[in-house]
């Protein structure tokens, strides 16, 4: 089953870490936090522009801490809950909690600490953010169990990821925004779309051990087609967000680049050849998040956002 909930682990056996902290960071693949952050930053900058036309640096720093902490909690929890399933899948059998390189207790302590940091960051932002924090955490936990009761865990993943831009917007403004919801849905469908591709690697194994996913239930060709449709929806939502926030030429240029990246991602993977799935994820999707954020920054600068 795909583990792209918060960024997939690197396939293959894990090498021995130097110590417990480094081992835990390997469990949660901490360096992949960059995948979730760019669109939270886009939401935060858009909110800052709407409120004061200046960057709220302290709030953005707290958003960063909250995002990394939430993702760390989610990954550690996912690894704990899925360790027996991971042990039955050759692709994931080398993970630290399966091999014992990291103990369940260590991972659990790390998850609790990360959850505490997340709650503390939310409280530092505002009481509203703290009150809404459980609604951000709940989908992160539900996702880890979703594959056990549905063939569509990718939809739960989409919901979990959609929370980030909405939360970042509320962190800056302390109020609801439909624009942030649109961006959140774009991020959710974006990640769910490449999760559909990533899950194709495990379709046969998932089917054998009773793990639910679209590729396992409906086949790889259907999953890849669904991924294309999902990313078309993603692109449309990016367009709607740009219109709602009155973005200029830089944002639209970024969407052209994004469209090319989406085309590349889907062109290099087929039902007959999944050998480049990791390239589709690590290269194409990593590029989409960082590049579109860069174009958004250029757009904000061109429209007078004070730094």
Protein backbone atom coordinates (compact mmCIF):
# COMPACT_ATOMS: atom_id res chain seq x y z
CA UNK A 1 0.00 0.00 0.00
CA UNK A 2 1.23 3.49 -0.75
CA UNK A 3 2.68 5.46 2.13
CA UNK A 4 2.61 8.92 0.56
CA UNK A 5 0.38 10.21 3.32
CA UNK A 6 2.98 12.71 4.21
CA UNK A 7 5.74 11.66 1.81
CA UNK A 8 6.64 8.13 0.91
CA UNK A 9 9.60 6.37 2.38
CA UNK A 10 12.47 5.53 0.14
CA UNK A 11 12.11 1.93 -1.07
CA UNK A 12 14.60 -0.67 0.01
CA UNK A 13 16.21 -1.77 3.27
CA UNK A 14 17.06 0.93 5.78
CA UNK A 15 20.68 1.40 6.73
CA UNK A 16 21.60 1.49 10.41
CA UNK A 17 21.31 4.97 11.87
CA UNK A 18 23.93 6.60 14.07
CA UNK A 19 21.62 7.12 17.03
CA UNK A 20 17.99 7.19 18.21
CA UNK A 21 17.28 10.73 17.03
CA UNK A 22 18.62 10.12 13.56
CA UNK A 23 16.82 6.77 13.46
CA UNK A 24 13.53 8.45 14.32
CA UNK A 25 14.10 11.09 11.65
CA UNK A 26 14.57 8.24 9.17
CA UNK A 27 11.25 6.75 10.27
CA UNK A 28 9.36 9.97 9.56
CA UNK A 29 11.48 10.86 6.48
CA UNK A 30 11.87 14.35 7.93
CA UNK A 31 13.52 15.80 4.80
CA UNK A 32 10.30 15.24 2.86
CA UNK A 33 8.50 17.85 4.96
CA UNK A 34 9.21 20.21 2.07
CA UNK A 35 6.41 18.57 0.06
CA UNK A 36 3.68 19.83 2.37
CA UNK A 37 5.10 23.25 3.17
CA UNK A 38 5.06 25.22 -0.13
CA UNK A 39 1.28 25.46 -0.42
CA UNK A 40 0.87 26.29 3.26
CA UNK A 41 3.26 29.15 2.56
CA UNK A 42 1.26 30.22 -0.50
CA UNK A 43 -1.87 30.35 1.66
CA UNK A 44 -0.07 32.25 4.43
CA UNK A 45 1.37 34.79 1.99
CA UNK A 46 -1.98 35.24 0.24
CA UNK A 47 -3.63 35.84 3.62
CA UNK A 48 -0.88 38.29 4.62
CA UNK A 49 -1.34 40.15 1.35
CA UNK A 50 -5.10 40.39 1.85
CA UNK A 51 -4.80 41.54 5.47
CA UNK A 52 -1.92 44.00 5.44
CA UNK A 53 0.10 43.60 2.23
CA UNK A 54 3.08 42.67 4.41
CA UNK A 55 4.58 39.32 5.45
CA UNK A 56 3.70 38.11 8.96
CA UNK A 57 7.04 36.45 9.62
CA UNK A 58 6.40 35.26 13.18
CA UNK A 59 3.12 33.64 12.19
CA UNK A 60 4.76 31.98 9.19
CA UNK A 61 7.53 30.64 11.43
CA UNK A 62 4.90 29.15 13.75
CA UNK A 63 3.04 27.70 10.76
CA UNK A 64 6.29 26.04 9.69
CA UNK A 65 6.83 24.49 13.12
CA UNK A 66 3.20 23.34 13.27
CA UNK A 67 3.34 21.81 9.78
CA UNK A 68 6.56 19.88 10.41
CA UNK A 69 5.32 18.72 13.81
CA UNK A 70 1.96 17.56 12.45
CA UNK A 71 3.61 15.68 9.62
CA UNK A 72 6.11 14.08 12.02
CA UNK A 73 3.27 12.95 14.27
CA UNK A 74 1.37 11.59 11.28
CA UNK A 75 4.31 9.65 9.86
CA UNK A 76 5.34 8.19 13.21
CA UNK A 77 1.77 7.16 13.95
CA UNK A 78 1.39 5.68 10.47
CA UNK A 79 4.57 3.64 10.82
CA UNK A 80 3.47 2.29 14.21
CA UNK A 81 -0.01 1.35 13.04
CA UNK A 82 1.21 -0.17 9.75
CA UNK A 83 4.30 -2.00 10.99
CA UNK A 84 2.76 -5.48 10.61
CA UNK A 85 1.42 -4.70 7.14
CA UNK A 86 4.81 -3.23 6.21
CA UNK A 87 6.49 -6.44 7.32
CA UNK A 88 4.42 -8.45 4.82
CA UNK A 89 5.37 -6.22 1.88
CA UNK A 90 8.84 -6.79 0.37
CA UNK A 91 9.07 -3.09 -0.58
CA UNK A 92 8.57 -1.94 3.02
CA UNK A 93 9.94 -4.88 5.00
CA UNK A 94 13.22 -3.04 5.63
CA UNK A 95 11.62 -0.15 7.49
CA UNK A 96 13.02 0.67 10.91
CA UNK A 97 9.99 -0.35 12.98
CA UNK A 98 9.75 -3.65 11.12
CA UNK A 99 13.41 -4.56 11.56
CA UNK A 100 13.63 -3.26 15.12
CA UNK A 101 16.21 -0.57 14.36
CA UNK A 102 13.69 1.78 15.99
CA UNK A 103 11.44 0.52 18.76
CA UNK A 104 7.71 1.13 18.88
CA UNK A 105 8.26 2.95 22.18
CA UNK A 106 10.76 5.36 20.61
CA UNK A 107 8.42 6.07 17.71
CA UNK A 108 5.49 6.56 20.11
CA UNK A 109 7.47 9.01 22.26
CA UNK A 110 8.47 10.91 19.13
CA UNK A 111 4.85 11.05 17.98
CA UNK A 112 3.69 12.38 21.36
CA UNK A 113 6.42 15.02 21.42
CA UNK A 114 5.55 16.08 17.87
CA UNK A 115 1.87 16.31 18.79
CA UNK A 116 2.77 18.48 21.76
CA UNK A 117 4.85 20.78 19.57
CA UNK A 118 1.98 21.03 17.11
CA UNK A 119 -0.49 21.93 19.88
CA UNK A 120 1.95 24.46 21.34
CA UNK A 121 2.46 26.11 17.94
CA UNK A 122 -1.29 26.29 17.39
CA UNK A 123 -1.77 27.86 20.82
CA UNK A 124 0.97 30.41 20.10
CA UNK A 125 -0.83 31.40 16.91
CA UNK A 126 -4.28 31.90 18.45
CA UNK A 127 -6.92 30.26 20.59
CA UNK A 128 -8.93 29.60 17.44
CA UNK A 129 -6.04 27.66 15.92
CA UNK A 130 -5.73 25.63 19.12
CA UNK A 131 -9.48 24.92 19.16
CA UNK A 132 -9.35 23.73 15.54
CA UNK A 133 -6.18 21.66 16.00
CA UNK A 134 -8.05 18.38 16.70
CA UNK A 135 -9.82 18.70 13.36
CA UNK A 136 -6.41 18.82 11.67
CA UNK A 137 -5.07 15.84 13.62
CA UNK A 138 -8.09 13.52 13.20
CA UNK A 139 -7.70 12.88 9.43
CA UNK A 140 -4.01 12.15 9.94
CA UNK A 141 -4.89 9.28 12.26
CA UNK A 142 -7.87 8.06 10.26
CA UNK A 143 -5.74 7.75 7.14
CA UNK A 144 -3.54 5.11 8.75
CA UNK A 145 -6.61 2.91 9.29
CA UNK A 146 -8.44 3.81 6.07
CA UNK A 147 -6.82 1.08 3.98
CA UNK A 148 -8.36 -1.45 6.36
CA UNK A 149 -11.98 -0.46 5.68
CA UNK A 150 -12.08 1.25 2.27
CA UNK A 151 -10.67 0.91 -1.22
CA UNK A 152 -10.35 4.69 -1.35
CA UNK A 153 -7.78 5.66 1.31
CA UNK A 154 -6.51 8.21 -1.21
CA UNK A 155 -9.66 10.28 -0.56
CA UNK A 156 -8.92 10.31 3.17
CA UNK A 157 -5.37 11.35 2.35
CA UNK A 158 -6.73 14.21 0.23
CA UNK A 159 -8.79 15.46 3.18
CA UNK A 160 -5.81 15.23 5.52
CA UNK A 161 -3.64 17.27 3.16
CA UNK A 162 -6.35 19.82 2.31
CA UNK A 163 -6.30 21.01 5.91
CA UNK A 164 -2.83 22.57 5.63
CA UNK A 165 -3.57 25.66 3.47
CA UNK A 166 -6.82 26.29 5.34
CA UNK A 167 -4.99 26.14 8.65
CA UNK A 168 -2.21 28.41 7.41
CA UNK A 169 -4.78 31.00 6.29
CA UNK A 170 -6.59 30.90 9.64
CA UNK A 171 -3.22 31.21 11.40
CA UNK A 172 -2.65 34.56 9.69
CA UNK A 173 -6.18 36.00 9.72
CA UNK A 174 -8.10 34.13 12.43
CA UNK A 175 -10.98 33.74 10.02
CA UNK A 176 -12.38 31.40 7.37
CA UNK A 177 -11.64 31.85 3.68
CA UNK A 178 -13.18 30.07 0.71
CA UNK A 179 -10.03 30.83 -1.28
CA UNK A 180 -8.02 28.77 1.21
CA UNK A 181 -10.55 25.95 0.88
CA UNK A 182 -10.07 25.95 -2.89
CA UNK A 183 -6.28 25.86 -2.46
CA UNK A 184 -6.66 23.13 0.14
CA UNK A 185 -8.75 21.02 -2.23
CA UNK A 186 -6.13 21.58 -4.94
CA UNK A 187 -3.38 20.34 -2.63
CA UNK A 188 -5.50 17.39 -1.49
CA UNK A 189 -6.30 16.24 -5.01
CA UNK A 190 -2.70 16.84 -6.09
CA UNK A 191 -1.34 14.53 -3.40
CA UNK A 192 -4.14 11.98 -3.82
CA UNK A 193 -3.39 11.90 -7.56
CA UNK A 194 0.23 10.92 -7.13
CA UNK A 195 -0.69 8.61 -4.25
CA UNK A 196 -2.80 6.69 -6.78
CA UNK A 197 0.32 6.29 -8.93
CA UNK A 198 2.52 5.34 -6.00
CA UNK A 199 0.05 2.72 -4.76
CA UNK A 200 0.30 0.90 -8.08
CA UNK A 201 3.63 -0.53 -6.94
CA UNK A 202 1.88 -2.49 -4.19
CA UNK A 203 -1.31 -3.49 -6.01
CA UNK A 204 -0.57 -7.21 -6.10
CA UNK A 205 0.74 -7.39 -2.53
CA UNK A 206 -2.14 -5.29 -1.19
CA UNK A 207 -4.62 -7.56 -2.92
CA UNK A 208 -3.02 -10.61 -1.36
CA UNK A 209 -3.00 -9.31 2.22
CA UNK A 210 -6.35 -7.55 2.09
CA UNK A 211 -5.19 -3.93 2.03
CA UNK A 212 -7.57 -1.56 0.27
CA UNK A 213 -6.57 0.79 -2.56
CA UNK A 214 -7.84 1.73 -6.00
CA UNK A 215 -5.07 -0.20 -7.82
CA UNK A 216 -5.66 -3.29 -5.68
CA UNK A 217 -9.42 -3.22 -6.16
CA UNK A 218 -9.84 -1.91 -9.70
CA UNK A 219 -6.47 -2.47 -11.34
CA UNK A 220 -3.46 -0.38 -12.25
CA UNK A 221 -4.88 1.00 -15.51
CA UNK A 222 -7.96 2.34 -13.72
CA UNK A 223 -5.79 3.85 -10.99
CA UNK A 224 -3.54 5.63 -13.49
CA UNK A 225 -6.56 6.96 -15.38
CA UNK A 226 -8.08 8.16 -12.10
CA UNK A 227 -4.81 9.90 -11.29
CA UNK A 228 -4.95 11.82 -14.58
CA UNK A 229 -8.51 12.94 -13.88
CA UNK A 230 -7.60 13.91 -10.33
CA UNK A 231 -4.73 16.08 -11.53
CA UNK A 232 -6.94 17.75 -14.10
CA UNK A 233 -9.19 18.71 -11.18
CA UNK A 234 -6.11 19.91 -9.28
CA UNK A 235 -5.10 22.17 -12.14
CA UNK A 236 -8.63 23.59 -12.43
CA UNK A 237 -8.63 24.38 -8.71
CA UNK A 238 -5.28 26.18 -9.04
CA UNK A 239 -6.87 28.29 -11.77
CA UNK A 240 -9.88 29.09 -9.58
CA UNK A 241 -7.62 30.03 -6.66
CA UNK A 242 -5.61 32.36 -8.89
CA UNK A 243 -8.79 34.07 -10.05
CA UNK A 244 -10.15 34.40 -6.51
CA UNK A 245 -6.93 36.00 -5.30
CA UNK A 246 -6.41 38.18 -8.40
CA UNK A 247 -3.01 36.74 -9.18
CA UNK A 248 -1.06 38.21 -12.05
CA UNK A 249 1.15 36.95 -14.86
CA UNK A 250 3.68 35.16 -12.67
CA UNK A 251 1.07 32.80 -11.19
CA UNK A 252 -0.29 31.94 -14.63
CA UNK A 253 3.24 31.34 -15.89
CA UNK A 254 3.71 29.00 -12.95
CA UNK A 255 0.59 27.10 -13.95
CA UNK A 256 1.98 26.57 -17.43
CA UNK A 257 5.09 25.04 -15.87
CA UNK A 258 2.86 22.97 -13.57
CA UNK A 259 0.89 21.65 -16.54
CA UNK A 260 4.13 20.51 -18.18
CA UNK A 261 5.24 18.81 -14.96
CA UNK A 262 1.89 17.01 -14.68
CA UNK A 263 2.18 15.86 -18.29
CA UNK A 264 5.71 14.56 -17.64
CA UNK A 265 4.64 12.75 -14.49
CA UNK A 266 1.91 10.84 -16.26
CA UNK A 267 3.92 10.27 -19.44
CA UNK A 268 6.73 8.37 -17.72
CA UNK A 269 4.47 5.87 -15.90
CA UNK A 270 2.26 3.25 -17.51
CA UNK A 271 0.49 0.06 -16.48
CA UNK A 272 3.19 -1.88 -18.30
CA UNK A 273 6.12 0.01 -16.79
CA UNK A 274 6.14 1.23 -13.18
CA UNK A 275 9.92 1.48 -12.98
CA UNK A 276 9.84 5.28 -12.95
CA UNK A 277 7.21 5.76 -10.23
CA UNK A 278 9.75 7.23 -7.83
CA UNK A 279 10.93 9.67 -10.51
CA UNK A 280 7.32 10.72 -11.03
CA UNK A 281 6.96 11.37 -7.32
CA UNK A 282 10.33 12.75 -6.27
CA UNK A 283 11.09 14.74 -9.42
CA UNK A 284 7.78 15.83 -10.91
CA UNK A 285 5.78 16.38 -7.75
CA UNK A 286 8.65 17.85 -5.79
CA UNK A 287 9.15 20.26 -8.65
CA UNK A 288 5.45 21.24 -8.79
CA UNK A 289 5.30 22.31 -5.15
CA UNK A 290 8.55 24.25 -5.08
CA UNK A 291 8.19 25.81 -8.54
CA UNK A 292 4.61 26.98 -8.09
CA UNK A 293 5.52 28.46 -4.71
CA UNK A 294 8.39 30.32 -6.37
CA UNK A 295 6.10 31.75 -9.04
CA UNK A 296 3.59 32.74 -6.35
CA UNK A 297 6.32 34.63 -4.47
CA UNK A 298 7.28 36.47 -7.66
CA UNK A 299 3.64 37.37 -8.16
CA UNK A 300 3.27 38.72 -4.62
CA UNK A 301 6.45 40.77 -5.04
CA UNK A 302 5.24 42.20 -8.35
CA UNK A 303 1.95 43.22 -6.68
CA UNK A 304 3.67 45.00 -3.81
CA UNK A 305 3.79 42.57 -0.88
CA UNK A 306 6.13 44.12 1.70
CA UNK A 307 8.83 41.79 2.98
